[in-house]
């Protein structure tokens, strides 16, 4: 990112934000791998990620 003109602080902020957004916005790659490993429906995990009590 530095080669493209971004500051280190901006690059760090983008990397930190993108690393935590996966579990928040379903269906992420992590969620699909978890569903496959645990033999759970991706649709059920998607519904669980969307519905918050």
PDB file of N, CA and C in Angstrom:
ATOM      1  N   UNK A   1       0.814  -1.179   0.000  1.00  0.00           N
ATOM      2  CA  UNK A   1       0.000   0.000   0.000  1.00  0.00           C
ATOM      3  C   UNK A   1       0.865   1.251   0.000  1.00  0.00           C
ATOM      4  N   UNK A   2       2.004   1.168   0.670  1.00  0.00           N
ATOM      5  CA  UNK A   2       2.890   2.326   0.708  1.00  0.00           C
ATOM      6  C   UNK A   2       3.395   2.686  -0.692  1.00  0.00           C
ATOM      7  N   UNK A   3       3.629   1.674  -1.509  1.00  0.00           N
ATOM      8  CA  UNK A   3       4.098   1.925  -2.873  1.00  0.00           C
ATOM      9  C   UNK A   3       3.045   2.678  -3.687  1.00  0.00           C
ATOM     10  N   UNK A   4       1.784   2.533  -3.317  1.00  0.00           N
ATOM     11  CA  UNK A   4       0.701   3.215  -4.022  1.00  0.00           C
ATOM     12  C   UNK A   4       0.359   4.562  -3.400  1.00  0.00           C
ATOM     13  N   UNK A   5       1.137   5.003  -2.408  1.00  0.00           N
ATOM     14  CA  UNK A   5       0.964   6.343  -1.860  1.00  0.00           C
ATOM     15  C   UNK A   5       0.152   6.442  -0.579  1.00  0.00           C
ATOM     16  N   UNK A   6      -0.239   5.325   0.000  1.00  0.00           N
ATOM     17  CA  UNK A   6      -1.003   5.368   1.245  1.00  0.00           C
ATOM     18  C   UNK A   6      -0.052   5.409   2.435  1.00  0.00           C
ATOM     19  N   UNK A   7      -0.474   6.065   3.501  1.00  0.00           N
ATOM     20  CA  UNK A   7       0.356   6.136   4.701  1.00  0.00           C
ATOM     21  C   UNK A   7       0.274   4.806   5.451  1.00  0.00           C
ATOM     22  N   UNK A   8       1.239   4.597   6.320  1.00  0.00           N
ATOM     23  CA  UNK A   8       1.232   3.367   7.126  1.00  0.00           C
ATOM     24  C   UNK A   8       0.018   3.301   8.038  1.00  0.00           C
ATOM     25  N   UNK A   9      -0.378   4.431   8.593  1.00  0.00           N
ATOM     26  CA  UNK A   9      -1.534   4.459   9.491  1.00  0.00           C
ATOM     27  C   UNK A   9      -2.808   4.067   8.752  1.00  0.00           C
ATOM     28  N   UNK A  10      -2.986   4.604   7.538  1.00  0.00           N
ATOM     29  CA  UNK A  10      -4.169   4.278   6.743  1.00  0.00           C
ATOM     30  C   UNK A  10      -4.162   2.799   6.360  1.00  0.00           C
ATOM     31  N   UNK A  11      -3.017   2.288   5.936  1.00  0.00           N
ATOM     32  CA  UNK A  11      -2.897   0.884   5.561  1.00  0.00           C
ATOM     33  C   UNK A  11      -3.207  -0.027   6.750  1.00  0.00           C
ATOM     34  N   UNK A  12      -2.725   0.345   7.930  1.00  0.00           N
ATOM     35  CA  UNK A  12      -2.992  -0.450   9.127  1.00  0.00           C
ATOM     36  C   UNK A  12      -4.476  -0.424   9.477  1.00  0.00           C
ATOM     37  N   UNK A  13      -5.104   0.739   9.335  1.00  0.00           N
ATOM     38  CA  UNK A  13      -6.533   0.855   9.651  1.00  0.00           C
ATOM     39  C   UNK A  13      -7.375   0.021   8.685  1.00  0.00           C
ATOM     40  N   UNK A  14      -7.055   0.059   7.402  1.00  0.00           N
ATOM     41  CA  UNK A  14      -7.793  -0.729   6.413  1.00  0.00           C
ATOM     42  C   UNK A  14      -7.619  -2.222   6.675  1.00  0.00           C
ATOM     43  N   UNK A  15      -6.406  -2.639   6.988  1.00  0.00           N
ATOM     44  CA  UNK A  15      -6.146  -4.058   7.264  1.00  0.00           C
ATOM     45  C   UNK A  15      -6.884  -4.514   8.514  1.00  0.00           C
ATOM     46  N   UNK A  16      -6.869  -3.703   9.557  1.00  0.00           N
ATOM     47  CA  UNK A  16      -7.570  -4.063  10.799  1.00  0.00           C
ATOM     48  C   UNK A  16      -9.074  -4.135  10.581  1.00  0.00           C
ATOM     49  N   UNK A  17      -9.627  -3.175   9.846  1.00  0.00           N
ATOM     50  CA  UNK A  17     -11.071  -3.163   9.610  1.00  0.00           C
ATOM     51  C   UNK A  17     -11.502  -4.333   8.745  1.00  0.00           C
ATOM     52  N   UNK A  18     -10.708  -4.663   7.745  1.00  0.00           N
ATOM     53  CA  UNK A  18     -11.095  -5.755   6.852  1.00  0.00           C
ATOM     54  C   UNK A  18     -10.935  -7.128   7.508  1.00  0.00           C
ATOM     55  N   UNK A  19     -10.078  -7.235   8.495  1.00  0.00           N
ATOM     56  CA  UNK A  19      -9.887  -8.528   9.138  1.00  0.00           C
ATOM     57  C   UNK A  19     -11.038  -8.898  10.064  1.00  0.00           C
ATOM     58  N   UNK A  20     -11.765  -7.904  10.576  1.00  0.00           N
ATOM     59  CA  UNK A  20     -12.875  -8.202  11.480  1.00  0.00           C
ATOM     60  C   UNK A  20     -14.233  -8.145  10.789  1.00  0.00           C
ATOM     61  N   UNK A  21     -14.287  -7.684   9.549  1.00  0.00           N
ATOM     62  CA  UNK A  21     -15.574  -7.533   8.883  1.00  0.00           C
ATOM     63  C   UNK A  21     -16.110  -8.883   8.386  1.00  0.00           C
ATOM     64  N   UNK A  22     -15.239  -9.860   8.170  1.00  0.00           N
ATOM     65  CA  UNK A  22     -15.670 -11.169   7.673  1.00  0.00           C
ATOM     66  C   UNK A  22     -16.717 -11.854   8.523  1.00  0.00           C
ATOM     67  N   UNK A  23     -16.489 -11.974   9.822  1.00  0.00           N
ATOM     68  CA  UNK A  23     -17.504 -12.619  10.655  1.00  0.00           C
ATOM     69  C   UNK A  23     -18.786 -11.798  10.805  1.00  0.00           C
ATOM     70  N   UNK A  24     -18.711 -10.489  10.538  1.00  0.00           N
ATOM     71  CA  UNK A  24     -19.876  -9.638  10.718  1.00  0.00           C
ATOM     72  C   UNK A  24     -20.818  -9.724   9.528  1.00  0.00           C
ATOM     73  N   UNK A  25     -20.279  -9.726   8.306  1.00  0.00           N
ATOM     74  CA  UNK A  25     -21.098  -9.737   7.095  1.00  0.00           C
ATOM     75  C   UNK A  25     -21.149 -11.153   6.538  1.00  0.00           C
ATOM     76  N   UNK A  26     -22.254 -11.830   6.749  1.00  0.00           N
ATOM     77  CA  UNK A  26     -22.364 -13.202   6.251  1.00  0.00           C
ATOM     78  C   UNK A  26     -22.753 -13.221   4.790  1.00  0.00           C
ATOM     79  N   UNK A  27     -22.550 -14.258   4.032  1.00  0.00           N
ATOM     80  CA  UNK A  27     -21.717 -15.396   4.393  1.00  0.00           C
ATOM     81  C   UNK A  27     -20.267 -15.137   3.988  1.00  0.00           C
ATOM     82  N   UNK A  28     -19.408 -15.021   4.921  1.00  0.00           N
ATOM     83  CA  UNK A  28     -17.991 -14.809   4.657  1.00  0.00           C
ATOM     84  C   UNK A  28     -17.307 -16.151   4.412  1.00  0.00           C
ATOM     85  N   UNK A  29     -16.096 -16.088   3.928  1.00  0.00           N
ATOM     86  CA  UNK A  29     -15.327 -17.306   3.690  1.00  0.00           C
ATOM     87  C   UNK A  29     -15.118 -18.098   4.961  1.00  0.00           C
ATOM     88  N   UNK A  30     -14.873 -17.387   6.048  1.00  0.00           N
ATOM     89  CA  UNK A  30     -14.680 -18.043   7.345  1.00  0.00           C
ATOM     90  C   UNK A  30     -15.948 -18.785   7.748  1.00  0.00           C
ATOM     91  N   UNK A  31     -17.097 -18.150   7.514  1.00  0.00           N
ATOM     92  CA  UNK A  31     -18.372 -18.774   7.873  1.00  0.00           C
ATOM     93  C   UNK A  31     -18.627 -20.035   7.044  1.00  0.00           C
ATOM     94  N   UNK A  32     -18.286 -19.995   5.773  1.00  0.00           N
ATOM     95  CA  UNK A  32     -18.490 -21.153   4.906  1.00  0.00           C
ATOM     96  C   UNK A  32     -17.584 -22.308   5.322  1.00  0.00           C
ATOM     97  N   UNK A  33     -16.331 -22.005   5.637  1.00  0.00           N
ATOM     98  CA  UNK A  33     -15.403 -23.043   6.099  1.00  0.00           C
ATOM     99  C   UNK A  33     -15.876 -23.625   7.428  1.00  0.00           C
ATOM    100  N   UNK A  34     -16.345 -22.769   8.320  1.00  0.00           N
ATOM    101  CA  UNK A  34     -16.869 -23.240   9.607  1.00  0.00           C
ATOM    102  C   UNK A  34     -18.075 -24.149   9.394  1.00  0.00           C
ATOM    103  N   UNK A  35     -18.973 -23.748   8.503  1.00  0.00           N
ATOM    104  CA  UNK A  35     -20.165 -24.563   8.226  1.00  0.00           C
ATOM    105  C   UNK A  35     -19.778 -25.919   7.671  1.00  0.00           C
ATOM    106  N   UNK A  36     -18.823 -25.941   6.775  1.00  0.00           N
ATOM    107  CA  UNK A  36     -18.375 -27.215   6.197  1.00  0.00           C
ATOM    108  C   UNK A  36     -17.726 -28.098   7.263  1.00  0.00           C
ATOM    109  N   UNK A  37     -16.874 -27.510   8.077  1.00  0.00           N
ATOM    110  CA  UNK A  37     -16.170 -28.269   9.116  1.00  0.00           C
ATOM    111  C   UNK A  37     -17.121 -28.824  10.170  1.00  0.00           C
ATOM    112  N   UNK A  38     -18.089 -28.003  10.584  1.00  0.00           N
ATOM    113  CA  UNK A  38     -19.016 -28.409  11.639  1.00  0.00           C
ATOM    114  C   UNK A  38     -20.270 -29.092  11.105  1.00  0.00           C
ATOM    115  N   UNK A  39     -20.336 -29.251   9.755  1.00  0.00           N
ATOM    116  CA  UNK A  39     -21.485 -29.888   9.111  1.00  0.00           C
ATOM    117  C   UNK A  39     -22.794 -29.193   9.474  1.00  0.00           C
ATOM    118  N   UNK A  40     -22.764 -27.857   9.362  1.00  0.00           N
ATOM    119  CA  UNK A  40     -23.918 -27.012   9.633  1.00  0.00           C
ATOM    120  C   UNK A  40     -24.306 -26.315   8.334  1.00  0.00           C
ATOM    121  N   UNK A  41     -25.565 -26.016   8.167  1.00  0.00           N
ATOM    122  CA  UNK A  41     -26.053 -25.332   6.983  1.00  0.00           C
ATOM    123  C   UNK A  41     -25.519 -23.897   6.922  1.00  0.00           C
ATOM    124  N   UNK A  42     -25.022 -23.512   5.751  1.00  0.00           N
ATOM    125  CA  UNK A  42     -24.562 -22.142   5.562  1.00  0.00           C
ATOM    126  C   UNK A  42     -25.741 -21.182   5.702  1.00  0.00           C
ATOM    127  N   UNK A  43     -26.904 -21.599   5.227  1.00  0.00           N
ATOM    128  CA  UNK A  43     -28.105 -20.764   5.345  1.00  0.00           C
ATOM    129  C   UNK A  43     -28.461 -20.516   6.812  1.00  0.00           C
ATOM    130  N   UNK A  44     -28.305 -21.530   7.644  1.00  0.00           N
ATOM    131  CA  UNK A  44     -28.590 -21.368   9.074  1.00  0.00           C
ATOM    132  C   UNK A  44     -27.605 -20.396   9.718  1.00  0.00           C
ATOM    133  N   UNK A  45     -26.339 -20.498   9.331  1.00  0.00           N
ATOM    134  CA  UNK A  45     -25.351 -19.556   9.864  1.00  0.00           C
ATOM    135  C   UNK A  45     -25.609 -18.139   9.348  1.00  0.00           C
ATOM    136  N   UNK A  46     -26.018 -18.040   8.090  1.00  0.00           N
ATOM    137  CA  UNK A  46     -26.350 -16.738   7.522  1.00  0.00           C
ATOM    138  C   UNK A  46     -27.501 -16.109   8.308  1.00  0.00           C
ATOM    139  N   UNK A  47     -28.536 -16.897   8.569  1.00  0.00           N
ATOM    140  CA  UNK A  47     -29.687 -16.401   9.336  1.00  0.00           C
ATOM    141  C   UNK A  47     -29.246 -15.987  10.742  1.00  0.00           C
ATOM    142  N   UNK A  48     -28.372 -16.749  11.348  1.00  0.00           N
ATOM    143  CA  UNK A  48     -27.897 -16.419  12.683  1.00  0.00           C
ATOM    144  C   UNK A  48     -27.080 -15.131  12.672  1.00  0.00           C
ATOM    145  N   UNK A  49     -26.337 -14.905  11.579  1.00  0.00           N
ATOM    146  CA  UNK A  49     -25.539 -13.691  11.476  1.00  0.00           C
ATOM    147  C   UNK A  49     -26.388 -12.459  11.218  1.00  0.00           C
ATOM    148  N   UNK A  50     -27.493 -12.623  10.516  1.00  0.00           N
ATOM    149  CA  UNK A  50     -28.358 -11.502  10.197  1.00  0.00           C
ATOM    150  C   UNK A  50     -29.260 -11.160  11.377  1.00  0.00           C
ATOM    151  N   UNK A  51     -29.819 -12.176  12.013  1.00  0.00           N
ATOM    152  CA  UNK A  51     -30.744 -11.954  13.123  1.00  0.00           C
ATOM    153  C   UNK A  51     -29.974 -11.745  14.408  1.00  0.00           C
ATOM    154  N   UNK A  52     -30.166 -10.611  15.001  1.00  0.00           N
ATOM    155  CA  UNK A  52     -29.530 -10.318  16.295  1.00  0.00           C
ATOM    156  C   UNK A  52     -30.595  -9.976  17.292  1.00  0.00           C
ATOM    157  N   UNK A  53     -30.495 -10.533  18.433  1.00  0.00           N
ATOM    158  CA  UNK A  53     -31.498 -10.328  19.472  1.00  0.00           C
ATOM    159  C   UNK A  53     -31.363  -9.021  20.165  1.00  0.00           C
TER     160      UNK A  53
END
